[in-house]
Amino acid sequence: MSGNGVGSTNNVTSNTISPTTVLQDNTTRVRVKKARSRARTGNNTANNNTNGTVNITTGNSTSNVTANVTAPSNTLNVTP
């Protein structure tokens, strides 16, 4: 721009085009090949275990399996 000194009149025209296209595709696949869990009882007792019917009482048993999956993430910041 020239001729824009003190007391001058200036006109500015600006055309700005800034198209933005964003394509995003995310796929997360989780495959658990093997999960093992083991539980053991305690406090086992058996009665009448000679020449007769045997009754076996076992303690409680609990087994838990937990799988935590954190998938990848994507962030897009567009600044005009």
Protein backbone atom coordinates (compact mmCIF):
# COMPACT_ATOMS: atom_id res chain seq x y z
CA MET A 1 0.00 0.00 0.00
CA SER A 2 1.34 3.40 -0.84
CA GLY A 3 0.14 6.99 -0.58
CA ASN A 4 -1.32 6.54 2.88
CA GLY A 5 0.17 9.54 4.60
CA VAL A 6 -1.45 12.00 6.98
CA GLY A 7 -4.84 13.22 5.75
CA SER A 8 -5.09 10.60 3.01
CA THR A 9 -8.14 8.42 2.33
CA ASN A 10 -7.46 4.71 1.92
CA ASN A 11 -9.59 1.77 0.84
CA VAL A 12 -8.60 -1.85 1.40
CA THR A 13 -10.48 -4.84 0.05
CA SER A 14 -9.59 -8.29 1.26
CA ASN A 15 -11.02 -11.59 0.11
CA THR A 16 -9.87 -14.58 2.11
CA ILE A 17 -10.86 -18.14 1.41
CA SER A 18 -9.48 -20.87 3.62
CA PRO A 19 -11.36 -24.14 3.18
CA THR A 20 -10.61 -26.87 5.67
CA THR A 21 -11.46 -30.52 5.15
CA VAL A 22 -10.87 -33.05 7.88
CA LEU A 23 -11.35 -36.77 7.40
CA GLN A 24 -10.75 -38.99 10.38
CA ASP A 25 -11.23 -42.71 10.84
CA ASN A 26 -10.38 -44.61 13.99
CA THR A 27 -10.49 -48.34 14.50
CA THR A 28 -9.52 -50.10 17.70
CA ARG A 29 -9.52 -53.85 17.89
CA VAL A 30 -8.91 -55.71 21.09
CA ARG A 31 -8.21 -59.39 21.12
CA VAL A 32 -7.75 -61.28 24.35
CA LYS A 33 -5.89 -64.39 23.41
CA LYS A 34 -5.66 -65.97 26.84
CA ALA A 35 -7.06 -65.05 30.19
CA ARG A 36 -6.19 -67.29 33.09
CA SER A 37 -7.66 -67.29 36.50
CA ARG A 38 -6.99 -69.60 39.40
CA ALA A 39 -8.92 -70.11 42.58
CA ARG A 40 -8.16 -72.27 45.57
CA THR A 41 -10.46 -73.25 48.35
CA GLY A 42 -9.49 -73.55 51.94
CA ASN A 43 -10.92 -75.11 55.09
CA ASN A 44 -11.78 -78.41 53.35
CA THR A 45 -13.28 -81.11 55.55
CA ALA A 46 -14.40 -84.67 54.84
CA ASN A 47 -16.59 -86.85 57.07
CA ASN A 48 -17.17 -90.61 57.17
CA ASN A 49 -14.34 -91.25 54.78
CA THR A 50 -13.92 -94.93 55.71
CA ASN A 51 -16.10 -97.60 54.05
CA GLY A 52 -18.99 -95.36 53.20
CA THR A 53 -20.26 -92.23 51.53
CA VAL A 54 -17.90 -89.32 51.82
CA ASN A 55 -19.17 -85.76 52.09
CA ILE A 56 -16.65 -83.06 51.36
CA THR A 57 -17.22 -79.47 52.40
CA THR A 58 -14.99 -76.82 50.89
CA GLY A 59 -14.39 -73.20 51.69
CA ASN A 60 -15.48 -70.40 49.40
CA SER A 61 -13.59 -69.65 46.22
CA THR A 62 -13.59 -66.47 44.14
CA SER A 63 -11.79 -65.68 40.91
CA ASN A 64 -11.85 -62.35 39.08
CA VAL A 65 -10.44 -61.30 35.72
CA THR A 66 -10.17 -57.65 34.72
CA ALA A 67 -9.07 -56.30 31.33
CA ASN A 68 -8.41 -52.57 30.98
CA VAL A 69 -8.15 -51.24 27.44
CA THR A 70 -7.04 -47.74 26.60
CA ALA A 71 -7.57 -47.00 22.94
CA PRO A 72 -5.53 -44.48 20.99
CA SER A 73 -6.89 -40.95 20.78
CA ASN A 74 -6.65 -38.24 18.15
CA THR A 75 -6.73 -34.49 18.57
CA LEU A 76 -7.25 -31.92 15.85
CA ASN A 77 -6.77 -28.21 16.40
CA VAL A 78 -7.77 -25.93 13.52
CA THR A 79 -6.85 -22.28 13.79
CA PRO A 80 -8.33 -19.98 11.15
